[in-house]
C-alpha cells in the first residue's frame, strides 16, 4: 500500500460512536468500484442499505469521500442528509440522474465537482488506488439544520454534534494511466 493509504477519514476527528452495518449490491467492502460508480463511465450512486442503528435515530445522512485525493483536503463525492428514519435503503441512482428513489425531504449539497448529486470516482491517472468511503450516519434530529447551499464542511460540522452511530463501506478505484 502507498503512503496515501494512511490519510485519515473525516469522521476520525469526531467523537467515537457505535457502529452499524452498511451493505451494497454495487460496492463490495475493500473491492474495486464498478464502472457505474466511475465519473466518466456510469456516474451513478450505488445501492446502499443499512441496519442495526440505534432505535432513537431520527434521520440519516450519507456521504462519499475520497481521503486519498491529492488536494490536501480530500474530495467529497456525495453529501446527502435529512433522510427520514423510516428509510433504510437507497436504490442505485437515487443520488444521480433523475434522482429516482431519493427520499422526499432529503437534501443534497454541492460535492467537490460543484454539483448537488453523486459524482463518481475519477482519480488522476497514475495516482495509485483511492479509497471511496461511503458513510451512513444515524442522526439525533429529523432535520440536521443546513440547507442545500452549504459546503460539505458545514454538513460535517453539524454531523459532528448530531451523529449517534455510523456505518461505512469502502471501495477502491485506480486510474492506471500515466500521470
N, C-alpha and C. Protein backbone atom coordinates (compact mmCIF):
# COMPACT_ATOMS: atom_id res chain seq x y z
N UNK A 1 0.83 -1.18 0.00
CA UNK A 1 0.00 0.00 0.00
C UNK A 1 0.88 1.25 0.00
N UNK A 2 0.39 2.27 -0.61
CA UNK A 2 1.15 3.51 -0.73
C UNK A 2 0.95 4.39 0.49
N UNK A 3 1.73 5.45 0.55
CA UNK A 3 1.63 6.44 1.62
C UNK A 3 0.21 7.00 1.73
N UNK A 4 -0.48 7.09 0.60
CA UNK A 4 -1.82 7.64 0.58
C UNK A 4 -2.77 6.89 1.52
N UNK A 5 -2.55 5.62 1.71
CA UNK A 5 -3.48 4.80 2.49
C UNK A 5 -3.53 5.19 3.97
N UNK A 6 -2.63 6.04 4.42
CA UNK A 6 -2.63 6.42 5.82
C UNK A 6 -3.39 7.71 6.10
N UNK A 7 -3.92 8.33 5.09
CA UNK A 7 -4.68 9.56 5.32
C UNK A 7 -5.94 9.25 6.12
N UNK A 8 -6.26 10.11 7.08
CA UNK A 8 -7.43 9.85 7.94
C UNK A 8 -8.75 10.04 7.19
N UNK A 9 -9.78 9.46 7.76
CA UNK A 9 -11.14 9.65 7.26
C UNK A 9 -11.75 10.83 7.99
N UNK A 10 -12.77 11.47 7.41
CA UNK A 10 -13.30 12.68 8.06
C UNK A 10 -13.86 12.42 9.45
N UNK A 11 -14.45 11.27 9.68
CA UNK A 11 -15.03 11.02 10.99
C UNK A 11 -14.00 10.52 12.00
N UNK A 12 -12.74 10.36 11.58
CA UNK A 12 -11.69 10.04 12.54
C UNK A 12 -11.49 11.18 13.53
N UNK A 13 -11.95 12.38 13.18
CA UNK A 13 -11.80 13.54 14.04
C UNK A 13 -13.04 13.79 14.90
N UNK A 14 -14.05 12.95 14.76
CA UNK A 14 -15.29 13.10 15.53
C UNK A 14 -15.24 12.18 16.74
N UNK A 15 -16.06 12.44 17.73
CA UNK A 15 -16.11 11.55 18.89
C UNK A 15 -16.50 10.13 18.46
N UNK A 16 -16.00 9.11 19.15
CA UNK A 16 -16.41 7.76 18.81
C UNK A 16 -17.90 7.55 19.08
N UNK A 17 -18.54 6.80 18.18
CA UNK A 17 -19.95 6.44 18.32
C UNK A 17 -20.08 4.97 17.95
N UNK A 18 -21.19 4.34 18.35
CA UNK A 18 -21.40 2.94 17.95
C UNK A 18 -21.47 2.82 16.42
N UNK A 19 -21.19 1.62 15.95
CA UNK A 19 -21.26 1.39 14.51
C UNK A 19 -22.47 0.53 14.18
N UNK A 20 -22.86 0.56 12.91
CA UNK A 20 -23.91 -0.32 12.41
C UNK A 20 -23.51 -0.78 11.03
N UNK A 21 -24.30 -1.65 10.45
CA UNK A 21 -23.95 -2.31 9.20
C UNK A 21 -24.44 -1.54 7.98
N UNK A 22 -23.54 -1.35 7.02
CA UNK A 22 -23.88 -0.78 5.72
C UNK A 22 -23.48 -1.81 4.66
N UNK A 23 -24.40 -2.12 3.77
CA UNK A 23 -24.14 -3.06 2.69
C UNK A 23 -24.55 -2.44 1.36
N UNK A 24 -24.12 -3.08 0.28
CA UNK A 24 -24.45 -2.59 -1.05
C UNK A 24 -24.44 -3.73 -2.05
N UNK A 25 -25.34 -3.64 -3.02
CA UNK A 25 -25.32 -4.56 -4.15
C UNK A 25 -24.28 -4.12 -5.17
N UNK A 26 -23.77 -2.89 -5.03
CA UNK A 26 -22.87 -2.31 -6.03
C UNK A 26 -21.44 -2.11 -5.55
N UNK A 27 -21.23 -2.02 -4.24
CA UNK A 27 -19.90 -1.78 -3.68
C UNK A 27 -19.59 -2.89 -2.71
N UNK A 28 -18.47 -3.56 -2.93
CA UNK A 28 -18.03 -4.61 -2.02
C UNK A 28 -16.95 -4.05 -1.11
N UNK A 29 -17.04 -4.29 0.18
CA UNK A 29 -16.05 -3.80 1.13
C UNK A 29 -14.65 -4.19 0.67
N UNK A 30 -13.80 -3.18 0.45
CA UNK A 30 -12.43 -3.41 0.02
C UNK A 30 -12.29 -3.75 -1.45
N UNK A 31 -13.41 -3.85 -2.16
CA UNK A 31 -13.37 -4.22 -3.58
C UNK A 31 -13.19 -3.02 -4.49
N UNK A 32 -13.07 -3.31 -5.77
CA UNK A 32 -12.92 -2.28 -6.79
C UNK A 32 -14.30 -1.77 -7.18
N UNK A 33 -14.44 -0.44 -7.26
CA UNK A 33 -15.72 0.13 -7.68
C UNK A 33 -16.06 -0.32 -9.10
N UNK A 34 -17.32 -0.50 -9.35
CA UNK A 34 -17.80 -0.85 -10.69
C UNK A 34 -17.78 0.38 -11.58
N UNK A 35 -17.80 0.15 -12.89
CA UNK A 35 -17.83 1.26 -13.84
C UNK A 35 -19.00 2.20 -13.59
N UNK A 36 -20.12 1.67 -13.10
CA UNK A 36 -21.29 2.51 -12.84
C UNK A 36 -20.99 3.59 -11.82
N UNK A 37 -20.01 3.39 -10.93
CA UNK A 37 -19.68 4.37 -9.91
C UNK A 37 -18.47 5.23 -10.29
N UNK A 38 -18.05 5.14 -11.55
CA UNK A 38 -16.92 5.93 -12.05
C UNK A 38 -17.47 7.13 -12.82
N UNK A 39 -16.88 8.28 -12.59
CA UNK A 39 -17.38 9.54 -13.15
C UNK A 39 -17.52 9.49 -14.68
N UNK A 40 -16.49 9.03 -15.37
CA UNK A 40 -16.51 9.04 -16.84
C UNK A 40 -17.27 7.86 -17.44
N UNK A 41 -17.76 6.97 -16.61
CA UNK A 41 -18.48 5.78 -17.10
C UNK A 41 -19.97 5.93 -16.81
N UNK A 42 -20.43 5.42 -15.67
CA UNK A 42 -21.85 5.46 -15.34
C UNK A 42 -22.25 6.64 -14.48
N UNK A 43 -21.31 7.08 -13.60
CA UNK A 43 -21.55 8.20 -12.68
C UNK A 43 -22.87 8.04 -11.91
N UNK A 44 -23.14 6.83 -11.44
CA UNK A 44 -24.39 6.52 -10.74
C UNK A 44 -24.12 6.19 -9.28
N UNK A 45 -24.88 6.80 -8.40
CA UNK A 45 -24.74 6.48 -6.98
C UNK A 45 -25.10 5.00 -6.78
N UNK A 46 -24.37 4.33 -5.87
CA UNK A 46 -24.63 2.91 -5.66
C UNK A 46 -25.85 2.66 -4.78
N UNK A 47 -26.37 1.46 -4.87
CA UNK A 47 -27.40 1.00 -3.93
C UNK A 47 -26.73 0.87 -2.57
N UNK A 48 -27.39 1.35 -1.52
CA UNK A 48 -26.89 1.23 -0.16
C UNK A 48 -28.03 0.80 0.75
N UNK A 49 -27.74 -0.07 1.71
CA UNK A 49 -28.69 -0.49 2.74
C UNK A 49 -27.99 -0.40 4.09
N UNK A 50 -28.77 -0.18 5.15
CA UNK A 50 -28.18 -0.14 6.48
C UNK A 50 -29.13 -0.73 7.50
N UNK A 51 -28.53 -1.28 8.56
CA UNK A 51 -29.30 -1.95 9.63
C UNK A 51 -28.47 -1.92 10.91
N UNK A 52 -29.18 -2.06 12.04
CA UNK A 52 -28.51 -2.15 13.33
C UNK A 52 -28.21 -0.81 13.97
N UNK A 53 -28.83 0.24 13.50
CA UNK A 53 -28.65 1.59 14.04
C UNK A 53 -29.50 1.74 15.30
N UNK A 54 -29.23 2.74 16.13
CA UNK A 54 -29.98 2.91 17.37
C UNK A 54 -31.46 3.22 17.12
N UNK A 55 -32.35 2.73 17.98
CA UNK A 55 -33.79 2.99 17.80
C UNK A 55 -34.16 4.47 17.93
N UNK A 56 -33.33 5.26 18.58
CA UNK A 56 -33.64 6.68 18.73
C UNK A 56 -33.20 7.52 17.52
N UNK A 57 -32.74 6.88 16.45
CA UNK A 57 -32.37 7.58 15.22
C UNK A 57 -33.58 8.33 14.66
N UNK A 58 -33.38 9.60 14.32
CA UNK A 58 -34.47 10.42 13.78
C UNK A 58 -34.29 10.74 12.30
N UNK A 59 -33.08 10.58 11.77
CA UNK A 59 -32.82 10.73 10.34
C UNK A 59 -31.45 10.15 10.04
N UNK A 60 -31.12 10.12 8.74
CA UNK A 60 -29.81 9.62 8.30
C UNK A 60 -29.16 10.63 7.38
N UNK A 61 -27.84 10.53 7.28
CA UNK A 61 -27.06 11.26 6.29
C UNK A 61 -26.17 10.24 5.60
N UNK A 62 -25.84 10.50 4.34
CA UNK A 62 -24.96 9.62 3.57
C UNK A 62 -23.90 10.49 2.90
N UNK A 63 -22.65 10.05 3.00
CA UNK A 63 -21.58 10.75 2.30
C UNK A 63 -20.70 9.76 1.56
N UNK A 64 -20.03 10.25 0.52
CA UNK A 64 -18.96 9.51 -0.15
C UNK A 64 -17.78 10.45 -0.22
N UNK A 65 -16.66 10.00 0.30
CA UNK A 65 -15.47 10.83 0.44
C UNK A 65 -14.23 10.06 0.00
N UNK A 66 -13.35 10.73 -0.73
CA UNK A 66 -12.06 10.17 -1.14
C UNK A 66 -10.97 10.84 -0.33
N UNK A 67 -10.45 10.18 0.72
CA UNK A 67 -9.41 10.79 1.53
C UNK A 67 -8.06 10.83 0.82
N UNK A 68 -7.94 10.10 -0.29
CA UNK A 68 -6.66 9.96 -0.98
C UNK A 68 -6.48 10.94 -2.14
N UNK A 69 -7.47 11.80 -2.37
CA UNK A 69 -7.37 12.79 -3.45
C UNK A 69 -6.18 13.72 -3.17
N UNK A 70 -5.44 14.08 -4.20
CA UNK A 70 -4.25 14.92 -3.99
C UNK A 70 -4.60 16.40 -3.85
N UNK A 71 -5.41 16.71 -2.84
CA UNK A 71 -5.87 18.08 -2.66
C UNK A 71 -5.43 18.68 -1.33
N UNK A 72 -5.02 17.87 -0.40
CA UNK A 72 -4.74 18.35 0.96
C UNK A 72 -5.98 18.31 1.83
N UNK A 73 -7.15 18.17 1.21
CA UNK A 73 -8.40 18.12 1.98
C UNK A 73 -9.32 17.00 1.52
N UNK A 74 -8.81 16.07 0.73
CA UNK A 74 -9.67 15.01 0.22
C UNK A 74 -10.62 15.54 -0.83
N UNK A 75 -11.64 14.72 -1.16
CA UNK A 75 -12.60 15.10 -2.19
C UNK A 75 -13.96 14.53 -1.83
N UNK A 76 -14.97 15.40 -1.72
CA UNK A 76 -16.33 14.98 -1.40
C UNK A 76 -17.06 14.64 -2.70
N UNK A 77 -17.50 13.40 -2.80
CA UNK A 77 -18.22 12.92 -3.99
C UNK A 77 -19.74 12.97 -3.80
N UNK A 78 -20.19 12.96 -2.55
CA UNK A 78 -21.63 12.94 -2.31
C UNK A 78 -21.90 13.33 -0.87
N UNK A 79 -22.85 14.23 -0.66
CA UNK A 79 -23.27 14.63 0.68
C UNK A 79 -24.79 14.77 0.66
N UNK A 80 -25.45 13.91 1.41
CA UNK A 80 -26.90 13.81 1.43
C UNK A 80 -27.34 13.70 2.89
N UNK A 81 -28.36 14.46 3.28
CA UNK A 81 -28.83 14.38 4.66
C UNK A 81 -30.33 14.61 4.73
N UNK A 82 -30.88 14.55 5.93
CA UNK A 82 -32.32 14.64 6.19
C UNK A 82 -33.09 13.50 5.52
N UNK A 83 -32.47 12.33 5.49
CA UNK A 83 -33.15 11.12 5.02
C UNK A 83 -34.02 10.64 6.18
N UNK A 84 -35.31 10.46 5.96
CA UNK A 84 -36.20 10.04 7.06
C UNK A 84 -35.72 8.75 7.72
N UNK A 85 -35.96 8.64 9.03
CA UNK A 85 -35.54 7.47 9.80
C UNK A 85 -36.20 6.18 9.32
N UNK A 86 -37.33 6.29 8.62
CA UNK A 86 -38.01 5.11 8.10
C UNK A 86 -37.33 4.53 6.86
N UNK A 87 -36.39 5.26 6.28
CA UNK A 87 -35.69 4.82 5.07
C UNK A 87 -34.41 4.11 5.47
N UNK A 88 -34.25 2.88 5.04
CA UNK A 88 -33.05 2.11 5.36
C UNK A 88 -32.35 1.59 4.10
N UNK A 89 -32.70 2.18 2.96
CA UNK A 89 -32.06 1.78 1.71
C UNK A 89 -32.22 2.89 0.69
N UNK A 90 -31.17 3.08 -0.10
CA UNK A 90 -31.23 3.95 -1.27
C UNK A 90 -30.98 3.08 -2.49
N UNK A 91 -31.85 3.13 -3.49
CA UNK A 91 -31.60 2.35 -4.69
C UNK A 91 -30.47 2.95 -5.51
N UNK A 92 -29.86 2.16 -6.36
CA UNK A 92 -28.84 2.67 -7.28
C UNK A 92 -29.43 3.83 -8.06
N UNK A 93 -28.67 4.90 -8.18
CA UNK A 93 -29.10 6.06 -8.94
C UNK A 93 -29.92 7.08 -8.17
N UNK A 94 -30.21 6.82 -6.89
CA UNK A 94 -31.02 7.78 -6.12
C UNK A 94 -30.35 9.14 -6.03
N UNK A 95 -29.02 9.17 -6.03
CA UNK A 95 -28.30 10.42 -5.91
C UNK A 95 -27.80 10.98 -7.22
N UNK A 96 -28.28 10.44 -8.33
CA UNK A 96 -27.80 10.89 -9.63
C UNK A 96 -28.91 10.84 -10.67
N UNK A 97 -28.63 11.43 -11.82
CA UNK A 97 -29.60 11.41 -12.91
C UNK A 97 -30.88 12.13 -12.55
N UNK A 98 -32.00 11.40 -12.61
CA UNK A 98 -33.31 11.99 -12.29
C UNK A 98 -33.68 11.77 -10.82
N UNK A 99 -32.76 11.23 -10.02
CA UNK A 99 -32.92 11.03 -8.58
C UNK A 99 -34.07 10.10 -8.23
N UNK A 100 -34.33 9.10 -9.07
CA UNK A 100 -35.37 8.12 -8.79
C UNK A 100 -35.01 7.37 -7.51
N UNK A 101 -35.91 7.38 -6.55
CA UNK A 101 -35.68 6.70 -5.28
C UNK A 101 -35.09 7.59 -4.20
N UNK A 102 -34.80 8.85 -4.52
CA UNK A 102 -34.32 9.77 -3.49
C UNK A 102 -35.50 10.09 -2.56
N UNK A 103 -35.35 9.85 -1.26
CA UNK A 103 -36.48 10.08 -0.35
C UNK A 103 -36.92 11.55 -0.33
N UNK A 104 -38.22 11.75 -0.23
CA UNK A 104 -38.76 13.10 -0.13
C UNK A 104 -38.19 13.79 1.09
N UNK A 105 -37.76 15.03 0.91
CA UNK A 105 -37.20 15.81 2.00
C UNK A 105 -35.70 15.69 2.16
N UNK A 106 -35.09 14.69 1.50
CA UNK A 106 -33.64 14.55 1.59
C UNK A 106 -32.97 15.73 0.89
N UNK A 107 -31.84 16.15 1.43
CA UNK A 107 -31.13 17.32 0.92
C UNK A 107 -29.74 16.89 0.44
N UNK A 108 -29.39 17.31 -0.78
CA UNK A 108 -28.05 17.09 -1.31
C UNK A 108 -27.35 18.44 -1.41
N UNK A 109 -26.09 18.48 -0.98
CA UNK A 109 -25.30 19.71 -1.13
C UNK A 109 -24.25 19.51 -2.21
N UNK A 110 -23.64 20.60 -2.57
CA UNK A 110 -22.61 20.58 -3.60
C UNK A 110 -21.48 19.63 -3.22
N UNK A 111 -21.14 18.76 -4.16
CA UNK A 111 -19.96 17.93 -3.98
C UNK A 111 -18.74 18.74 -4.47
N UNK A 112 -17.57 18.15 -4.48
CA UNK A 112 -16.39 18.90 -4.91
C UNK A 112 -16.29 19.03 -6.43
N UNK A 113 -17.20 18.42 -7.17
CA UNK A 113 -17.33 18.70 -8.60
C UNK A 113 -18.14 19.98 -8.82
N UNK A 114 -18.83 20.43 -7.77
CA UNK A 114 -19.64 21.63 -7.85
C UNK A 114 -21.10 21.36 -8.18
N UNK A 115 -21.53 20.09 -8.10
CA UNK A 115 -22.91 19.73 -8.41
C UNK A 115 -23.59 19.12 -7.18
N UNK A 116 -24.89 19.24 -7.11
CA UNK A 116 -25.66 18.71 -5.98
C UNK A 116 -26.19 17.33 -6.33
N UNK A 117 -25.27 16.36 -6.37
CA UNK A 117 -25.60 14.97 -6.70
C UNK A 117 -24.39 14.11 -6.37
N UNK A 118 -24.46 12.84 -6.74
CA UNK A 118 -23.33 11.93 -6.61
C UNK A 118 -22.40 12.16 -7.79
N UNK A 119 -21.12 12.30 -7.52
CA UNK A 119 -20.10 12.37 -8.56
C UNK A 119 -19.16 11.20 -8.39
N UNK A 120 -19.04 10.39 -9.41
CA UNK A 120 -18.27 9.15 -9.33
C UNK A 120 -16.77 9.33 -9.20
N UNK A 121 -16.10 8.19 -9.02
CA UNK A 121 -14.65 8.14 -8.85
C UNK A 121 -13.95 8.67 -10.10
N UNK A 122 -12.90 9.45 -9.89
CA UNK A 122 -12.12 9.99 -11.01
C UNK A 122 -10.73 10.39 -10.52
N UNK A 123 -9.96 9.44 -9.98
CA UNK A 123 -8.63 9.81 -9.51
C UNK A 123 -7.72 10.18 -10.68
N UNK A 124 -6.72 11.02 -10.43
CA UNK A 124 -5.80 11.37 -11.50
C UNK A 124 -5.07 10.12 -12.04
N UNK A 125 -4.79 10.10 -13.32
CA UNK A 125 -4.06 8.96 -13.89
C UNK A 125 -2.73 8.75 -13.17
N UNK A 126 -2.43 7.50 -12.84
CA UNK A 126 -1.17 7.14 -12.23
C UNK A 126 -1.03 7.53 -10.78
N UNK A 127 -2.09 7.96 -10.12
CA UNK A 127 -2.01 8.41 -8.73
C UNK A 127 -2.15 7.27 -7.73
N UNK A 128 -2.32 6.06 -8.22
CA UNK A 128 -2.49 4.91 -7.32
C UNK A 128 -3.94 4.73 -6.93
N UNK A 129 -4.22 3.69 -6.16
CA UNK A 129 -5.60 3.43 -5.76
C UNK A 129 -6.10 4.46 -4.74
N UNK A 130 -7.34 4.86 -4.92
CA UNK A 130 -8.00 5.77 -4.00
C UNK A 130 -9.13 5.03 -3.30
N UNK A 131 -9.36 5.36 -2.03
CA UNK A 131 -10.48 4.80 -1.28
C UNK A 131 -11.69 5.70 -1.44
N UNK A 132 -12.86 5.08 -1.59
CA UNK A 132 -14.13 5.80 -1.66
C UNK A 132 -14.96 5.32 -0.49
N UNK A 133 -15.09 6.19 0.51
CA UNK A 133 -15.70 5.84 1.79
C UNK A 133 -17.15 6.29 1.78
N UNK A 134 -18.05 5.31 1.73
CA UNK A 134 -19.49 5.56 1.81
C UNK A 134 -19.86 5.42 3.28
N UNK A 135 -20.30 6.52 3.87
CA UNK A 135 -20.64 6.52 5.29
C UNK A 135 -22.11 6.86 5.45
N UNK A 136 -22.79 6.10 6.31
CA UNK A 136 -24.17 6.39 6.68
C UNK A 136 -24.14 6.80 8.15
N UNK A 137 -24.71 7.95 8.44
CA UNK A 137 -24.75 8.50 9.79
C UNK A 137 -26.17 8.39 10.34
N UNK A 138 -26.33 7.87 11.54
CA UNK A 138 -27.60 7.92 12.26
C UNK A 138 -27.59 9.24 13.03
N UNK A 139 -28.64 10.03 12.84
CA UNK A 139 -28.68 11.40 13.35
C UNK A 139 -29.78 11.53 14.41
N UNK A 140 -29.53 12.36 15.42
CA UNK A 140 -30.48 12.53 16.53
C UNK A 140 -31.53 13.61 16.28
N UNK A 141 -31.58 14.16 15.09
CA UNK A 141 -32.56 15.19 14.72
C UNK A 141 -33.22 14.81 13.39
N UNK A 142 -34.50 15.13 13.22
CA UNK A 142 -35.16 14.88 11.93
C UNK A 142 -34.57 15.74 10.84
N UNK A 143 -34.23 16.98 11.18
CA UNK A 143 -33.62 17.92 10.24
C UNK A 143 -32.27 18.34 10.82
N UNK A 144 -31.22 18.13 10.05
CA UNK A 144 -29.88 18.42 10.52
C UNK A 144 -29.66 19.92 10.72
N UNK A 145 -30.32 20.76 9.92
CA UNK A 145 -30.20 22.20 10.09
C UNK A 145 -29.80 22.95 8.83
N UNK A 146 -28.70 22.56 8.16
CA UNK A 146 -28.30 23.32 6.98
C UNK A 146 -29.26 23.15 5.81
N UNK A 147 -29.11 24.05 4.83
CA UNK A 147 -29.86 23.90 3.59
C UNK A 147 -28.92 23.39 2.50
N UNK A 148 -29.40 23.32 1.28
CA UNK A 148 -28.61 22.72 0.19
C UNK A 148 -27.51 23.64 -0.33
N UNK A 149 -27.38 24.84 0.20
CA UNK A 149 -26.36 25.76 -0.29
C UNK A 149 -25.09 25.79 0.55
N UNK A 150 -25.01 24.96 1.58
CA UNK A 150 -23.81 24.93 2.41
C UNK A 150 -22.76 24.00 1.80
N UNK A 151 -21.57 24.08 2.33
CA UNK A 151 -20.47 23.22 1.88
C UNK A 151 -20.51 21.88 2.61
N UNK A 152 -19.82 20.87 2.09
CA UNK A 152 -19.70 19.62 2.84
C UNK A 152 -19.11 19.82 4.23
N UNK A 153 -18.23 20.80 4.39
CA UNK A 153 -17.64 21.05 5.71
C UNK A 153 -18.69 21.47 6.72
N UNK A 154 -19.66 22.28 6.31
CA UNK A 154 -20.72 22.70 7.24
C UNK A 154 -21.59 21.51 7.62
N UNK A 155 -21.88 20.65 6.66
CA UNK A 155 -22.64 19.43 6.97
C UNK A 155 -21.84 18.58 7.95
N UNK A 156 -20.54 18.41 7.69
CA UNK A 156 -19.68 17.65 8.60
C UNK A 156 -19.65 18.22 9.99
N UNK A 157 -19.62 19.54 10.11
CA UNK A 157 -19.65 20.20 11.41
C UNK A 157 -20.93 19.82 12.15
N UNK A 158 -22.07 19.90 11.47
CA UNK A 158 -23.34 19.54 12.11
C UNK A 158 -23.40 18.06 12.46
N UNK A 159 -22.87 17.22 11.58
CA UNK A 159 -22.86 15.78 11.88
C UNK A 159 -21.98 15.48 13.09
N UNK A 160 -20.94 16.24 13.29
CA UNK A 160 -20.06 16.04 14.44
C UNK A 160 -20.84 16.09 15.75
N UNK A 161 -21.87 16.93 15.81
CA UNK A 161 -22.63 17.12 17.04
C UNK A 161 -23.94 16.34 17.09
N UNK A 162 -24.35 15.74 15.98
CA UNK A 162 -25.66 15.07 15.94
C UNK A 162 -25.61 13.60 15.53
N UNK A 163 -24.42 13.05 15.31
CA UNK A 163 -24.30 11.64 14.95
C UNK A 163 -24.34 10.79 16.21
N UNK A 164 -25.24 9.79 16.21
CA UNK A 164 -25.33 8.88 17.35
C UNK A 164 -24.79 7.49 17.02
N UNK A 165 -24.59 7.21 15.74
CA UNK A 165 -23.97 5.96 15.29
C UNK A 165 -23.58 6.16 13.83
N UNK A 166 -22.70 5.28 13.35
CA UNK A 166 -22.19 5.46 12.00
C UNK A 166 -21.77 4.11 11.44
N UNK A 167 -22.01 3.91 10.16
CA UNK A 167 -21.54 2.72 9.46
C UNK A 167 -20.87 3.13 8.17
N UNK A 168 -19.96 2.31 7.69
CA UNK A 168 -19.28 2.68 6.45
C UNK A 168 -18.98 1.47 5.60
N UNK A 169 -18.73 1.75 4.34
CA UNK A 169 -18.38 0.76 3.33
C UNK A 169 -17.33 1.42 2.46
N UNK A 170 -16.20 0.76 2.25
CA UNK A 170 -15.10 1.36 1.50
C UNK A 170 -14.78 0.54 0.25
N UNK A 171 -14.84 1.20 -0.89
CA UNK A 171 -14.41 0.62 -2.15
C UNK A 171 -13.19 1.36 -2.66
N UNK A 172 -12.52 0.79 -3.65
CA UNK A 172 -11.33 1.43 -4.21
C UNK A 172 -11.48 1.58 -5.72
N UNK A 173 -10.72 2.52 -6.25
CA UNK A 173 -10.65 2.68 -7.70
C UNK A 173 -9.33 3.32 -8.04
N UNK A 174 -8.75 2.89 -9.16
CA UNK A 174 -7.48 3.44 -9.61
C UNK A 174 -7.56 3.70 -11.10
N UNK A 175 -7.01 4.82 -11.51
CA UNK A 175 -6.88 5.13 -12.93
C UNK A 175 -5.40 4.88 -13.25
N UNK A 176 -5.09 3.74 -13.89
CA UNK A 176 -3.69 3.34 -14.04
C UNK A 176 -2.92 4.11 -15.12
N UNK A 177 -3.57 5.03 -15.82
CA UNK A 177 -2.89 5.80 -16.86
C UNK A 177 -1.68 6.54 -16.32
N UNK A 178 -0.92 7.11 -17.21
CA UNK A 178 0.28 7.85 -16.81
C UNK A 178 -0.10 9.24 -16.33
N UNK A 179 0.48 9.63 -15.21
CA UNK A 179 0.21 10.93 -14.61
C UNK A 179 1.04 12.03 -15.22
